[in-house]
């Protein structure tokens, strides 16, 4: 019966599964945005330290989430076969790998000050970033564990709770920041230390929420009984699928970090405009990321049943949904760039006019960026669903760094197109990733599953 689902039925299933995931990603985005805004109110020095600290924390976090993303398609595939034992084994080993990864990050974050200074960062900013990270690092483990359990829940299509817990975390983070950064509600004003404490509290409460839901609503999986019993076969399988995902995440983040450095070479105004354009593009990207997660679950379900027809119809449906939203975003970016950029700027800022002008030029390129970024992230989601992660990692890295980065340099500096040229290079790189990854899915995955 499932194999005979029509395209409208696939669309409804994907929207039911995907909309809460989209909301969860947007809520997660708001957590970082809230931190930035509130420490910006506190002071420029604190904001600079937070920016540096967030970059270090988020880079390591993204690398570690590869094991969480690996759990999602595995759980979806096992759920299609009603194999509750394998669901439990995969989730537990995802948590084990997250614990081990966290242990590896502790010395890096604890001694982040000397590392940042060695990378050329200013003494005061590096010291303040280390103050933040020595507190925030204790939130790394609950943050990674939350991602594993969210992936487990998403693989079982329990996505509404993912949205509600992430949305609640965003609200709590704002309240904790307001109390601890500025000294409200009877708390002392702790500045950047307060932001770090707020982050740890938020991650800890989120973990308590997802664990309570998993234990209460899905007791049949018994995730935490005999938790420390080793399962090396499944450990190796989750590791095999997860490390390429983590490196793919890192490769894409590094591409954008490198593009920010390039924009900095062009000057303060282009860099400020770049930061605003990235925030807007990221907000839109969260929708495609949620749909990509839904594609992973639906593809994992089809893969578990070896149902090529279901996989193909689901794939075309999620591509159409993502493409439709990208088209809407294109229209918005092209129709109203000035107000979109202007909302991030103080009306009294002497550089406001120049930044708006530069930002409008970047949003014109970001409109095209939406289409190619959507294609590559949906392709990654589909490939992860069928547990194909290693070759896609190399394809993505080739596209980002073998195509995108040289194109950004060529267009931005050799051809003299400046900031828009750097962004055109990003479009070329992400477009190449979309072509490479979609070609692998349609040219290899679908025919092989159909022949199985």
Protein backbone atom coordinates (compact mmCIF):
# COMPACT_ATOMS: atom_id res chain seq x y z
CA UNK A 1 0.00 0.00 0.00
CA UNK A 2 2.81 2.40 0.89
CA UNK A 3 4.50 1.67 -2.44
CA UNK A 4 1.38 2.93 -4.25
CA UNK A 5 1.37 6.38 -2.65
CA UNK A 6 0.55 9.16 -5.10
CA UNK A 7 2.60 12.34 -5.42
CA UNK A 8 0.04 14.38 -3.38
CA UNK A 9 0.20 11.72 -0.67
CA UNK A 10 3.99 11.93 -0.70
CA UNK A 11 3.75 15.72 -0.44
CA UNK A 12 1.42 15.49 2.57
CA UNK A 13 3.68 12.93 4.25
CA UNK A 14 6.77 15.05 3.65
CA UNK A 15 5.08 18.22 4.91
CA UNK A 16 3.76 16.46 8.01
CA UNK A 17 7.23 15.14 8.72
CA UNK A 18 9.21 18.12 7.47
CA UNK A 19 7.41 21.20 8.80
CA UNK A 20 8.22 20.48 12.46
CA UNK A 21 11.84 19.84 11.44
CA UNK A 22 11.90 23.16 9.56
CA UNK A 23 10.51 24.88 12.66
CA UNK A 24 13.13 23.17 14.80
CA UNK A 25 15.97 24.35 12.57
CA UNK A 26 14.60 27.91 12.56
CA UNK A 27 14.37 27.82 16.36
CA UNK A 28 17.98 26.61 16.54
CA UNK A 29 18.97 29.48 14.25
CA UNK A 30 17.18 31.92 16.56
CA UNK A 31 19.23 30.71 19.53
CA UNK A 32 22.46 31.83 17.86
CA UNK A 33 20.84 35.05 16.65
CA UNK A 34 19.61 35.86 20.17
CA UNK A 35 23.10 35.37 21.60
CA UNK A 36 24.53 37.72 18.97
CA UNK A 37 21.91 40.43 19.49
CA UNK A 38 22.06 40.42 23.30
CA UNK A 39 25.84 40.46 23.56
CA UNK A 40 25.85 43.15 20.88
CA UNK A 41 23.72 45.21 23.28
CA UNK A 42 26.16 44.41 26.10
CA UNK A 43 29.23 45.66 24.24
CA UNK A 44 31.34 45.39 21.10
CA UNK A 45 34.23 43.64 22.88
CA UNK A 46 31.94 40.92 24.24
CA UNK A 47 30.32 40.49 20.82
CA UNK A 48 33.72 40.07 19.14
CA UNK A 49 34.70 37.40 21.69
CA UNK A 50 31.36 35.62 21.27
CA UNK A 51 31.74 35.60 17.48
CA UNK A 52 35.15 33.96 17.80
CA UNK A 53 33.98 31.52 20.50
CA UNK A 54 30.82 30.57 18.59
CA UNK A 55 32.89 29.86 15.49
CA UNK A 56 35.17 27.49 17.44
CA UNK A 57 32.32 25.77 19.29
CA UNK A 58 30.05 25.46 16.24
CA UNK A 59 32.83 24.10 14.02
CA UNK A 60 33.55 21.27 16.46
CA UNK A 61 29.85 20.73 17.09
CA UNK A 62 29.11 20.31 13.38
CA UNK A 63 31.93 17.81 13.05
CA UNK A 64 30.50 15.81 15.96
CA UNK A 65 26.93 15.86 14.66
CA UNK A 66 27.93 13.53 11.84
CA UNK A 67 27.24 10.60 14.17
CA UNK A 68 23.80 12.00 15.03
CA UNK A 69 22.88 12.43 11.36
CA UNK A 70 23.99 8.82 10.75
CA UNK A 71 21.47 7.60 13.32
CA UNK A 72 18.51 9.14 11.46
CA UNK A 73 18.57 7.01 8.25
CA UNK A 74 19.57 3.91 10.19
CA UNK A 75 16.60 4.24 12.54
CA UNK A 76 14.26 4.97 9.61
CA UNK A 77 15.50 1.89 7.77
CA UNK A 78 15.18 -0.38 10.82
CA UNK A 79 11.73 1.06 11.61
CA UNK A 80 10.57 0.07 8.12
CA UNK A 81 11.46 -3.51 9.06
CA UNK A 82 9.99 -3.22 12.60
CA UNK A 83 13.40 -4.08 14.03
CA UNK A 84 13.27 -2.46 17.47
CA UNK A 85 16.49 -4.09 18.66
CA UNK A 86 18.52 -2.53 15.84
CA UNK A 87 16.87 0.86 16.47
CA UNK A 88 18.08 0.71 20.06
CA UNK A 89 21.56 -0.46 19.10
CA UNK A 90 22.09 2.30 16.52
CA UNK A 91 20.88 5.06 18.84
CA UNK A 92 22.98 3.88 21.77
CA UNK A 93 26.14 3.74 19.70
CA UNK A 94 25.39 7.20 18.32
CA UNK A 95 25.37 8.39 21.93
CA UNK A 96 28.60 6.49 22.68
CA UNK A 97 30.35 8.15 19.75
CA UNK A 98 29.07 11.56 20.86
CA UNK A 99 30.52 11.00 24.34
CA UNK A 100 33.90 10.04 22.90
CA UNK A 101 33.88 13.01 20.52
CA UNK A 102 33.06 15.34 23.42
CA UNK A 103 36.04 14.00 25.37
CA UNK A 104 38.27 14.88 22.43
CA UNK A 105 36.96 18.46 22.28
CA UNK A 106 37.57 19.26 25.97
CA UNK A 107 41.32 20.08 25.72
CA UNK A 108 40.78 22.06 22.50
CA UNK A 109 38.12 24.27 24.05
CA UNK A 110 39.75 24.50 27.49
CA UNK A 111 43.02 25.76 25.99
CA UNK A 112 41.34 27.76 23.22
CA UNK A 113 43.00 31.05 24.23
CA UNK A 114 46.56 30.06 23.23
CA UNK A 115 45.22 28.34 20.11
CA UNK A 116 43.33 31.46 19.02
CA UNK A 117 46.34 33.69 19.71
CA UNK A 118 48.52 31.36 17.63
CA UNK A 119 46.02 31.84 14.81
CA UNK A 120 46.58 35.59 14.94
CA UNK A 121 43.62 36.72 17.06
CA UNK A 122 43.95 39.66 19.44
CA UNK A 123 44.98 38.97 23.05
CA UNK A 124 41.90 40.42 24.75
CA UNK A 125 39.40 38.86 22.36
CA UNK A 126 41.14 35.46 22.61
CA UNK A 127 41.11 35.60 26.41
CA UNK A 128 37.41 36.51 26.53
CA UNK A 129 36.60 33.77 24.03
CA UNK A 130 38.42 31.27 26.25
CA UNK A 131 36.41 32.45 29.28
CA UNK A 132 33.23 31.71 27.31
CA UNK A 133 34.43 28.36 25.96
CA UNK A 134 35.65 27.00 29.31
CA UNK A 135 32.06 27.25 30.49
CA UNK A 136 30.27 26.50 27.22
CA UNK A 137 32.26 23.32 26.57
CA UNK A 138 30.18 21.55 29.24
CA UNK A 139 27.20 22.11 26.99
CA UNK A 140 28.87 20.25 24.10
CA UNK A 141 27.96 16.79 25.38
CA UNK A 142 24.26 17.50 26.03
CA UNK A 143 24.08 19.36 22.70
CA UNK A 144 25.46 16.34 20.81
CA UNK A 145 23.29 13.91 22.78
CA UNK A 146 20.22 16.01 21.99
CA UNK A 147 21.09 15.79 18.29
CA UNK A 148 21.36 11.98 18.47
CA UNK A 149 18.01 11.59 20.22
CA UNK A 150 16.37 14.12 17.88
CA UNK A 151 17.65 12.05 14.96
CA UNK A 152 16.27 8.90 16.59
CA UNK A 153 12.88 10.60 17.04
CA UNK A 154 12.91 12.00 13.50
CA UNK A 155 13.76 8.56 12.10
CA UNK A 156 10.62 7.28 13.81
CA UNK A 157 8.69 10.31 12.44
CA UNK A 158 8.15 11.80 15.91
CA UNK A 159 9.02 15.27 14.65
CA UNK A 160 6.52 17.51 16.45
CA UNK A 161 8.27 16.97 19.77
CA UNK A 162 11.56 17.94 18.08
CA UNK A 163 10.00 21.28 17.14
CA UNK A 164 8.46 21.94 20.55
CA UNK A 165 11.63 21.14 22.47
CA UNK A 166 13.84 23.23 20.17
CA UNK A 167 11.34 26.10 20.24
CA UNK A 168 11.20 25.91 24.02
CA UNK A 169 15.00 25.91 24.14
CA UNK A 170 15.11 29.08 22.03
CA UNK A 171 12.73 30.82 24.45
CA UNK A 172 14.62 29.61 27.52
CA UNK A 173 17.93 30.69 26.02
CA UNK A 174 16.59 34.21 25.51
CA UNK A 175 15.32 34.38 29.11
CA UNK A 176 18.57 32.98 30.54
CA UNK A 177 20.62 35.42 28.44
CA UNK A 178 18.51 38.37 29.57
CA UNK A 179 18.92 37.35 33.21
CA UNK A 180 22.58 36.38 33.24
CA UNK A 181 24.18 38.74 30.71
CA UNK A 182 22.55 41.94 31.99
CA UNK A 183 21.81 41.02 35.62
CA UNK A 184 18.02 40.89 35.57
CA UNK A 185 15.58 38.99 37.84
CA UNK A 186 17.98 39.35 40.76
CA UNK A 187 20.95 37.69 39.04
CA UNK A 188 24.38 39.36 38.77
CA UNK A 189 25.42 40.85 35.42
CA UNK A 190 27.91 38.28 34.11
CA UNK A 191 28.34 39.43 30.51
CA UNK A 192 29.96 36.83 28.29
CA UNK A 193 30.17 34.33 31.17
CA UNK A 194 26.40 34.68 31.58
CA UNK A 195 25.89 33.86 27.90
CA UNK A 196 27.98 30.71 28.33
CA UNK A 197 26.05 29.61 31.42
CA UNK A 198 22.78 30.26 29.57
CA UNK A 199 23.99 28.04 26.73
CA UNK A 200 24.88 25.15 29.07
CA UNK A 201 21.55 25.41 30.90
CA UNK A 202 19.63 25.45 27.61
CA UNK A 203 21.40 22.36 26.26
CA UNK A 204 20.97 20.53 29.56
CA UNK A 205 17.23 21.22 29.78
CA UNK A 206 16.80 20.24 26.11
CA UNK A 207 18.51 16.92 26.81
CA UNK A 208 16.25 16.29 29.80
CA UNK A 209 13.24 16.99 27.57
CA UNK A 210 14.14 14.61 24.74
CA UNK A 211 15.19 11.86 27.17
CA UNK A 212 11.93 12.19 29.11
CA UNK A 213 9.94 11.96 25.86
CA UNK A 214 11.90 8.96 24.59
CA UNK A 215 11.52 7.07 27.88
CA UNK A 216 7.85 7.98 28.30
CA UNK A 217 6.52 7.61 24.74
CA UNK A 218 8.83 4.94 23.33
CA UNK A 219 9.57 2.59 26.26
CA UNK A 220 9.76 -0.40 23.92
CA UNK A 221 13.19 0.76 22.72
CA UNK A 222 14.61 0.89 26.26
CA UNK A 223 17.47 3.13 25.18
CA UNK A 224 19.16 3.62 28.53
CA UNK A 225 18.97 0.21 30.20
CA UNK A 226 22.39 -1.50 30.14
CA UNK A 227 23.58 1.59 28.29
CA UNK A 228 27.26 0.84 28.92
CA UNK A 229 27.22 -2.65 27.38
CA UNK A 230 29.53 -2.43 24.35
CA UNK A 231 28.22 -3.16 20.86
CA UNK A 232 31.30 -2.87 18.70
CA UNK A 233 29.68 -4.07 15.48
CA UNK A 234 27.05 -1.30 15.59
CA UNK A 235 29.61 1.18 16.91
CA UNK A 236 31.67 0.59 13.76
CA UNK A 237 28.60 0.92 11.51
CA UNK A 238 27.50 4.26 12.99
CA UNK A 239 31.09 5.49 12.82
CA UNK A 240 31.37 4.37 9.19
CA UNK A 241 28.29 6.35 8.19
CA UNK A 242 28.86 9.28 10.52
CA UNK A 243 32.41 10.46 10.02
CA UNK A 244 31.91 11.37 6.34
CA UNK A 245 28.79 13.36 7.27
CA UNK A 246 30.73 15.28 9.91
CA UNK A 247 33.54 16.07 7.47
CA UNK A 248 31.02 17.14 4.82
CA UNK A 249 29.49 19.54 7.34
CA UNK A 250 32.94 20.84 8.23
CA UNK A 251 33.90 21.26 4.59
CA UNK A 252 30.87 23.44 3.87
CA UNK A 253 31.31 25.54 7.02
CA UNK A 254 34.97 26.05 6.15
CA UNK A 255 33.95 27.24 2.67
CA UNK A 256 31.83 30.00 4.19
CA UNK A 257 34.53 30.85 6.74
CA UNK A 258 37.02 31.24 3.89
CA UNK A 259 34.56 33.41 1.97
CA UNK A 260 34.23 35.64 5.05
CA UNK A 261 38.02 36.05 5.11
CA UNK A 262 37.92 37.04 1.44
CA UNK A 263 35.20 39.58 2.13
CA UNK A 264 37.32 40.95 4.99
CA UNK A 265 40.16 41.54 2.53
CA UNK A 266 37.77 43.74 0.56
CA UNK A 267 37.05 45.94 3.59
CA UNK A 268 34.78 46.44 6.58
CA UNK A 269 31.71 47.43 4.58
CA UNK A 270 31.75 44.36 2.29
CA UNK A 271 32.34 42.11 5.32
CA UNK A 272 29.40 43.66 7.20
CA UNK A 273 27.18 43.24 4.13
CA UNK A 274 28.36 39.65 3.81
CA UNK A 275 27.42 38.94 7.43
CA UNK A 276 23.89 40.24 6.86
CA UNK A 277 23.46 38.35 3.58
CA UNK A 278 24.67 35.13 5.22
CA UNK A 279 22.14 35.56 8.05
CA UNK A 280 19.29 35.98 5.55
CA UNK A 281 20.47 33.08 3.37
CA UNK A 282 20.88 30.88 6.46
CA UNK A 283 17.34 31.60 7.64
CA UNK A 284 16.01 30.48 4.25
CA UNK A 285 18.39 27.50 4.23
CA UNK A 286 16.81 26.17 7.43
CA UNK A 287 13.67 25.34 5.42
CA UNK A 288 15.66 23.29 2.92
CA UNK A 289 17.56 21.62 5.77
CA UNK A 290 14.28 20.55 7.37
CA UNK A 291 13.06 19.15 4.06
CA UNK A 292 16.42 17.43 3.60
CA UNK A 293 16.00 15.73 6.98
CA UNK A 294 12.50 14.64 5.96
CA UNK A 295 13.98 13.29 2.71
CA UNK A 296 16.54 11.33 4.73
CA UNK A 297 13.81 9.70 6.81
CA UNK A 298 11.53 8.91 3.86
CA UNK A 299 14.44 7.62 1.76
CA UNK A 300 15.66 5.56 4.72
CA UNK A 301 12.22 4.04 5.07
CA UNK A 302 12.11 3.14 1.36
CA UNK A 303 15.67 1.82 1.53
CA UNK A 304 14.78 -0.40 4.48
CA UNK A 305 11.98 -1.99 2.43
CA UNK A 306 14.06 -2.00 -0.80
CA UNK A 307 11.24 -0.08 -2.49
CA UNK A 308 12.70 1.85 -5.45
CA UNK A 309 9.34 3.19 -6.62
CA UNK A 310 8.62 4.75 -3.23
CA UNK A 311 12.12 6.24 -3.17
CA UNK A 312 11.76 7.81 -6.62
CA UNK A 313 8.34 9.35 -6.01
CA UNK A 314 9.41 10.68 -2.63
CA UNK A 315 12.60 12.13 -4.11
CA UNK A 316 10.81 14.00 -6.90
CA UNK A 317 8.28 15.32 -4.39
CA UNK A 318 10.85 16.73 -1.97
CA UNK A 319 12.80 18.26 -4.86
CA UNK A 320 9.61 20.00 -6.03
CA UNK A 321 8.76 21.27 -2.53
CA UNK A 322 12.26 22.59 -1.95
CA UNK A 323 12.36 24.17 -5.40
CA UNK A 324 9.02 25.90 -4.82
CA UNK A 325 10.22 27.47 -1.58
CA UNK A 326 13.50 28.49 -3.23
CA UNK A 327 11.51 30.25 -5.95
CA UNK A 328 9.55 32.19 -3.31
CA UNK A 329 12.81 33.20 -1.62
CA UNK A 330 14.24 34.36 -4.95
CA UNK A 331 11.26 36.68 -5.43
CA UNK A 332 11.56 38.08 -1.89
CA UNK A 333 15.32 38.69 -2.16
CA UNK A 334 14.92 40.43 -5.51
CA UNK A 335 11.78 42.41 -4.64
CA UNK A 336 12.70 43.80 -1.21
CA UNK A 337 16.48 43.75 -0.66
CA UNK A 338 16.77 47.21 0.96
CA UNK A 339 14.37 46.58 3.87
CA UNK A 340 15.81 43.08 4.41
CA UNK A 341 19.33 44.44 4.77
CA UNK A 342 18.29 47.62 6.57
CA UNK A 343 16.60 45.81 9.46
CA UNK A 344 20.04 44.67 10.69
CA UNK A 345 21.49 48.20 10.81
CA UNK A 346 21.26 51.17 13.17
CA UNK A 347 19.67 54.11 11.29
CA UNK A 348 22.38 56.39 12.73
CA UNK A 349 25.27 54.21 11.53
CA UNK A 350 27.44 56.38 9.23
CA UNK A 351 28.17 53.32 7.05
CA UNK A 352 24.50 52.36 6.72
CA UNK A 353 24.04 53.57 3.13
CA UNK A 354 27.22 51.86 1.93
CA UNK A 355 26.39 48.59 3.71
CA UNK A 356 22.83 48.56 2.35
CA UNK A 357 24.15 49.15 -1.17
CA UNK A 358 26.67 46.33 -0.83
CA UNK A 359 24.08 44.04 0.78
CA UNK A 360 21.57 44.62 -2.01
CA UNK A 361 24.19 43.54 -4.56
CA UNK A 362 24.91 40.38 -2.55
CA UNK A 363 21.21 39.52 -2.21
CA UNK A 364 20.87 39.63 -5.99
CA UNK A 365 23.42 36.80 -6.13
CA UNK A 366 21.92 35.15 -3.04
CA UNK A 367 18.67 34.76 -4.97
CA UNK A 368 20.42 32.35 -7.36
CA UNK A 369 22.29 30.91 -4.38
CA UNK A 370 18.96 29.68 -2.97
CA UNK A 371 18.32 27.39 -5.94
CA UNK A 372 21.70 25.67 -5.97
CA UNK A 373 21.99 25.42 -2.17
CA UNK A 374 18.56 23.78 -2.05
CA UNK A 375 19.57 21.25 -4.71
CA UNK A 376 22.77 20.19 -2.98
CA UNK A 377 21.31 19.85 0.53
CA UNK A 378 18.30 17.85 -0.72
CA UNK A 379 20.66 15.55 -2.64
CA UNK A 380 22.75 15.05 0.50
CA UNK A 381 19.59 14.20 2.45
CA UNK A 382 18.49 11.61 -0.09
CA UNK A 383 21.94 10.00 -0.24
CA UNK A 384 22.16 9.84 3.56
CA UNK A 385 18.77 8.16 3.57
CA UNK A 386 20.17 5.29 1.53
CA UNK A 387 23.28 5.26 3.78
CA UNK A 388 25.61 6.54 1.06
CA UNK A 389 27.93 9.03 2.79
CA UNK A 390 31.60 8.43 1.93
CA UNK A 391 31.63 9.15 -1.81
CA UNK A 392 29.21 12.10 -1.38
CA UNK A 393 31.71 13.55 1.12
CA UNK A 394 34.42 13.56 -1.54
CA UNK A 395 32.06 14.91 -4.20
CA UNK A 396 30.94 17.74 -1.92
CA UNK A 397 34.51 18.60 -0.90
CA UNK A 398 35.57 18.64 -4.57
CA UNK A 399 32.70 20.96 -5.43
CA UNK A 400 33.23 23.30 -2.47
CA UNK A 401 37.01 23.54 -2.60
CA UNK A 402 37.99 22.36 -6.08
CA UNK A 403 35.33 24.43 -7.85
CA UNK A 404 33.75 26.96 -5.48
CA UNK A 405 36.81 28.43 -3.77
CA UNK A 406 38.85 28.96 -6.97
CA UNK A 407 35.76 30.47 -8.61
CA UNK A 408 35.27 32.84 -5.66
CA UNK A 409 38.90 33.96 -5.89
CA UNK A 410 38.74 34.33 -9.65
CA UNK A 411 35.47 36.30 -9.73
CA UNK A 412 36.12 38.36 -6.61
CA UNK A 413 39.75 39.35 -7.15
CA UNK A 414 41.16 38.37 -10.55
CA UNK A 415 38.12 39.67 -12.46
CA UNK A 416 37.64 42.47 -9.93
CA UNK A 417 33.96 41.86 -9.21
CA UNK A 418 34.46 42.28 -5.47
CA UNK A 419 31.91 40.95 -2.98
CA UNK A 420 29.34 39.85 -5.57
CA UNK A 421 32.13 37.98 -7.35
CA UNK A 422 32.98 36.04 -4.18
CA UNK A 423 29.31 35.09 -3.86
CA UNK A 424 29.15 34.07 -7.52
CA UNK A 425 31.99 31.68 -6.72
CA UNK A 426 29.93 30.23 -3.87
CA UNK A 427 27.01 29.76 -6.26
CA UNK A 428 29.28 27.96 -8.73
CA UNK A 429 30.64 25.68 -6.00
CA UNK A 430 27.26 24.81 -4.52
CA UNK A 431 25.84 24.37 -8.01
CA UNK A 432 28.62 21.89 -8.80
CA UNK A 433 27.82 20.06 -5.56
CA UNK A 434 24.17 19.87 -6.58
CA UNK A 435 25.08 18.42 -9.99
CA UNK A 436 27.59 15.91 -8.59
CA UNK A 437 25.33 14.70 -5.78
CA UNK A 438 22.11 14.55 -7.78
CA UNK A 439 23.97 12.64 -10.50
CA UNK A 440 25.12 10.09 -7.96
CA UNK A 441 21.62 9.66 -6.55
CA UNK A 442 19.81 9.34 -9.89
CA UNK A 443 22.64 7.67 -11.80
CA UNK A 444 23.72 5.11 -9.21
CA UNK A 445 21.45 4.81 -6.18
CA UNK A 446 18.08 4.56 -7.89
CA UNK A 447 19.15 2.05 -10.60
CA UNK A 448 20.91 -0.16 -8.04
CA UNK A 449 17.91 -0.23 -5.71
CA UNK A 450 15.58 -0.91 -8.64
CA UNK A 451 17.76 -3.87 -9.66
CA UNK A 452 17.88 -5.29 -6.12
